[in-house]
Amino acid sequence: MTVGMINANPVVHERPERAAHPAHAALDALDVFDTVRDIKDPEHPYSLEQLSVLSQESVSVDEKLGHIQITFTPTVQHCSMATVIGLCLRLKLMQNFPPHFKIDIKVAPGSLANEESGA
């Protein structure tokens, strides 16, 4: 066990196969999820997807309005890394999608003891 870990024994989930989706011009939630799914957790050598911090269902895209929203769920309610996770998600999206998209990163309601300190 590493000293100082908030969640020393996270639940690690199987990684599902990447869903094949046809090439298309419209940006959708799967495109966004594929971009962020492999981001590593700040405390563990696992991806945010493997730890169920985010899933395809937690991503929404409205291309007409130029809006991307991700709602993530920290592994524990007292996660002090929620801000870091949110910033990692935001940076990855800013690097991979056009600047006209408004990006909202949110913590799932009830998943963080102090939600105001999250992303």
C-alpha atoms as a PDB file:
ATOM      1  CA  MET A   1       0.000   0.000   0.000  1.00  0.00           C
ATOM      2  CA  THR A   2       1.293   3.424  -0.938  1.00  0.00           C
ATOM      3  CA  VAL A   3       1.337   5.937   1.891  1.00  0.00           C
ATOM      4  CA  GLY A   4      -1.121   8.781   1.443  1.00  0.00           C
ATOM      5  CA  MET A   5      -3.515   7.097  -0.986  1.00  0.00           C
ATOM      6  CA  ILE A   6      -7.112   8.093  -0.516  1.00  0.00           C
ATOM      7  CA  ASN A   7      -8.499   4.910  -2.069  1.00  0.00           C
ATOM      8  CA  ALA A   8      -5.811   2.265  -1.656  1.00  0.00           C
ATOM      9  CA  ASN A   9      -8.004  -0.585  -2.958  1.00  0.00           C
ATOM     10  CA  PRO A  10     -10.156   0.649  -5.834  1.00  0.00           C
ATOM     11  CA  VAL A  11     -12.576  -1.611  -7.658  1.00  0.00           C
ATOM     12  CA  VAL A  12     -11.148  -2.222 -11.137  1.00  0.00           C
ATOM     13  CA  HIS A  13     -13.613  -3.157 -13.872  1.00  0.00           C
ATOM     14  CA  GLU A  14     -13.027  -5.052 -17.107  1.00  0.00           C
ATOM     15  CA  ARG A  15     -12.498  -2.803 -20.083  1.00  0.00           C
ATOM     16  CA  PRO A  16     -15.204  -3.437 -22.638  1.00  0.00           C
ATOM     17  CA  GLU A  17     -14.243  -3.674 -26.282  1.00  0.00           C
ATOM     18  CA  ARG A  18     -14.245  -0.359 -28.049  1.00  0.00           C
ATOM     19  CA  ALA A  19     -17.475  -0.018 -29.943  1.00  0.00           C
ATOM     20  CA  ALA A  20     -17.060   0.334 -33.657  1.00  0.00           C
ATOM     21  CA  HIS A  21     -18.816   3.345 -35.011  1.00  0.00           C
ATOM     22  CA  PRO A  22     -19.015   4.511 -38.579  1.00  0.00           C
ATOM     23  CA  ALA A  23     -16.917   7.372 -39.806  1.00  0.00           C
ATOM     24  CA  HIS A  24     -19.070  10.453 -39.899  1.00  0.00           C
ATOM     25  CA  ALA A  25     -18.760  14.185 -39.803  1.00  0.00           C
ATOM     26  CA  ALA A  26     -20.930  14.722 -36.708  1.00  0.00           C
ATOM     27  CA  LEU A  27     -19.251  14.657 -33.319  1.00  0.00           C
ATOM     28  CA  ASP A  28     -20.977  12.366 -30.822  1.00  0.00           C
ATOM     29  CA  ALA A  29     -20.582  11.101 -27.253  1.00  0.00           C
ATOM     30  CA  LEU A  30     -18.624   8.039 -28.385  1.00  0.00           C
ATOM     31  CA  ASP A  31     -16.029  10.244 -30.102  1.00  0.00           C
ATOM     32  CA  VAL A  32     -15.585  12.258 -26.913  1.00  0.00           C
ATOM     33  CA  PHE A  33     -15.528   9.174 -24.684  1.00  0.00           C
ATOM     34  CA  ASP A  34     -12.902   7.517 -26.892  1.00  0.00           C
ATOM     35  CA  THR A  35     -10.754  10.616 -26.409  1.00  0.00           C
ATOM     36  CA  VAL A  36     -10.861  10.613 -22.586  1.00  0.00           C
ATOM     37  CA  ARG A  37     -11.393   6.951 -21.645  1.00  0.00           C
ATOM     38  CA  ASP A  38      -7.668   6.177 -21.330  1.00  0.00           C
ATOM     39  CA  ILE A  39      -6.771   9.038 -18.979  1.00  0.00           C
ATOM     40  CA  LYS A  40      -5.045   7.502 -15.967  1.00  0.00           C
ATOM     41  CA  ASP A  41      -6.300   8.033 -12.455  1.00  0.00           C
ATOM     42  CA  PRO A  42      -3.934  10.322 -10.478  1.00  0.00           C
ATOM     43  CA  GLU A  43      -3.512   7.693  -7.738  1.00  0.00           C
ATOM     44  CA  HIS A  44      -3.594   4.391  -9.628  1.00  0.00           C
ATOM     45  CA  PRO A  45      -2.217   2.831 -12.802  1.00  0.00           C
ATOM     46  CA  TYR A  46      -5.749   2.327 -14.105  1.00  0.00           C
ATOM     47  CA  SER A  47      -7.790   4.406 -16.511  1.00  0.00           C
ATOM     48  CA  LEU A  48     -10.788   6.462 -15.440  1.00  0.00           C
ATOM     49  CA  GLU A  49     -12.908   4.030 -17.444  1.00  0.00           C
ATOM     50  CA  GLN A  50     -11.504   0.985 -15.607  1.00  0.00           C
ATOM     51  CA  LEU A  51     -12.315   2.599 -12.264  1.00  0.00           C
ATOM     52  CA  SER A  52     -15.819   3.561 -13.474  1.00  0.00           C
ATOM     53  CA  VAL A  53     -15.049   7.204 -12.864  1.00  0.00           C
ATOM     54  CA  LEU A  54     -16.556   7.840 -16.284  1.00  0.00           C
ATOM     55  CA  SER A  55     -18.446   5.919 -18.939  1.00  0.00           C
ATOM     56  CA  GLN A  56     -19.883   6.591 -22.357  1.00  0.00           C
ATOM     57  CA  GLU A  57     -23.208   7.332 -20.669  1.00  0.00           C
ATOM     58  CA  SER A  58     -21.578  10.122 -18.659  1.00  0.00           C
ATOM     59  CA  VAL A  59     -20.748  12.064 -21.831  1.00  0.00           C
ATOM     60  CA  SER A  60     -23.173  14.238 -23.772  1.00  0.00           C
ATOM     61  CA  VAL A  61     -22.579  16.242 -26.913  1.00  0.00           C
ATOM     62  CA  ASP A  62     -24.734  18.823 -28.650  1.00  0.00           C
ATOM     63  CA  GLU A  63     -22.871  19.664 -31.808  1.00  0.00           C
ATOM     64  CA  LYS A  64     -25.465  22.226 -32.937  1.00  0.00           C
ATOM     65  CA  LEU A  65     -24.973  24.212 -29.724  1.00  0.00           C
ATOM     66  CA  GLY A  66     -21.234  23.445 -29.594  1.00  0.00           C
ATOM     67  CA  HIS A  67     -21.472  21.873 -26.144  1.00  0.00           C
ATOM     68  CA  ILE A  68     -19.632  18.912 -24.566  1.00  0.00           C
ATOM     69  CA  GLN A  69     -20.490  17.794 -21.039  1.00  0.00           C
ATOM     70  CA  ILE A  70     -18.848  15.080 -18.966  1.00  0.00           C
ATOM     71  CA  THR A  71     -20.163  14.060 -15.560  1.00  0.00           C
ATOM     72  CA  PHE A  72     -17.696  11.929 -13.623  1.00  0.00           C
ATOM     73  CA  THR A  73     -18.008   9.925 -10.418  1.00  0.00           C
ATOM     74  CA  PRO A  74     -14.994   9.821  -8.054  1.00  0.00           C
ATOM     75  CA  THR A  75     -14.201   6.407  -6.554  1.00  0.00           C
ATOM     76  CA  VAL A  76     -14.710   7.678  -3.003  1.00  0.00           C
ATOM     77  CA  GLN A  77     -16.795  10.534  -1.549  1.00  0.00           C
ATOM     78  CA  HIS A  78     -13.795  12.204   0.070  1.00  0.00           C
ATOM     79  CA  CYS A  79     -11.690  12.194  -3.140  1.00  0.00           C
ATOM     80  CA  SER A  80      -9.193  15.032  -3.021  1.00  0.00           C
ATOM     81  CA  MET A  81      -8.200  14.313  -6.635  1.00  0.00           C
ATOM     82  CA  ALA A  82     -11.570  15.340  -8.139  1.00  0.00           C
ATOM     83  CA  THR A  83     -10.209  18.721  -9.210  1.00  0.00           C
ATOM     84  CA  VAL A  84      -7.165  17.108 -10.825  1.00  0.00           C
ATOM     85  CA  ILE A  85      -9.392  14.616 -12.665  1.00  0.00           C
ATOM     86  CA  GLY A  86     -11.637  17.421 -13.890  1.00  0.00           C
ATOM     87  CA  LEU A  87      -8.662  19.440 -15.114  1.00  0.00           C
ATOM     88  CA  CYS A  88      -7.203  16.411 -16.924  1.00  0.00           C
ATOM     89  CA  LEU A  89     -10.524  15.845 -18.673  1.00  0.00           C
ATOM     90  CA  ARG A  90     -10.825  19.524 -19.639  1.00  0.00           C
ATOM     91  CA  LEU A  91      -7.273  19.715 -20.987  1.00  0.00           C
ATOM     92  CA  LYS A  92      -7.682  16.547 -23.066  1.00  0.00           C
ATOM     93  CA  LEU A  93     -10.911  17.888 -24.579  1.00  0.00           C
ATOM     94  CA  MET A  94      -9.403  21.311 -25.274  1.00  0.00           C
ATOM     95  CA  GLN A  95      -6.463  19.662 -27.045  1.00  0.00           C
ATOM     96  CA  ASN A  96      -8.639  17.412 -29.211  1.00  0.00           C
ATOM     97  CA  PHE A  97     -11.756  19.368 -30.151  1.00  0.00           C
ATOM     98  CA  PRO A  98     -12.348  22.722 -31.850  1.00  0.00           C
ATOM     99  CA  PRO A  99     -12.190  25.782 -29.592  1.00  0.00           C
ATOM    100  CA  HIS A 100     -15.794  26.786 -30.297  1.00  0.00           C
ATOM    101  CA  PHE A 101     -17.048  23.913 -28.099  1.00  0.00           C
ATOM    102  CA  LYS A 102     -18.141  24.888 -24.605  1.00  0.00           C
ATOM    103  CA  ILE A 103     -16.818  22.235 -22.232  1.00  0.00           C
ATOM    104  CA  ASP A 104     -18.569  21.458 -18.950  1.00  0.00           C
ATOM    105  CA  ILE A 105     -16.994  19.004 -16.520  1.00  0.00           C
ATOM    106  CA  LYS A 106     -19.189  18.092 -13.564  1.00  0.00           C
ATOM    107  CA  VAL A 107     -19.091  15.773 -10.581  1.00  0.00           C
ATOM    108  CA  ALA A 108     -22.068  13.411 -10.396  1.00  0.00           C
ATOM    109  CA  PRO A 109     -24.561  14.665  -7.801  1.00  0.00           C
ATOM    110  CA  GLY A 110     -24.082  12.991  -4.439  1.00  0.00           C
ATOM    111  CA  SER A 111     -20.775  11.378  -5.397  1.00  0.00           C
ATOM    112  CA  LEU A 112     -18.486  13.804  -3.588  1.00  0.00           C
ATOM    113  CA  ALA A 113     -18.777  14.871   0.039  1.00  0.00           C
ATOM    114  CA  ASN A 114     -17.843  18.456  -0.843  1.00  0.00           C
ATOM    115  CA  GLU A 115     -19.052  18.881  -4.424  1.00  0.00           C
ATOM    116  CA  GLU A 116     -18.117  22.556  -4.533  1.00  0.00           C
ATOM    117  CA  SER A 117     -14.419  21.607  -4.389  1.00  0.00           C
ATOM    118  CA  GLY A 118     -14.740  19.273  -7.409  1.00  0.00           C
ATOM    119  CA  ALA A 119     -14.108  20.167 -11.009  1.00  0.00           C
END
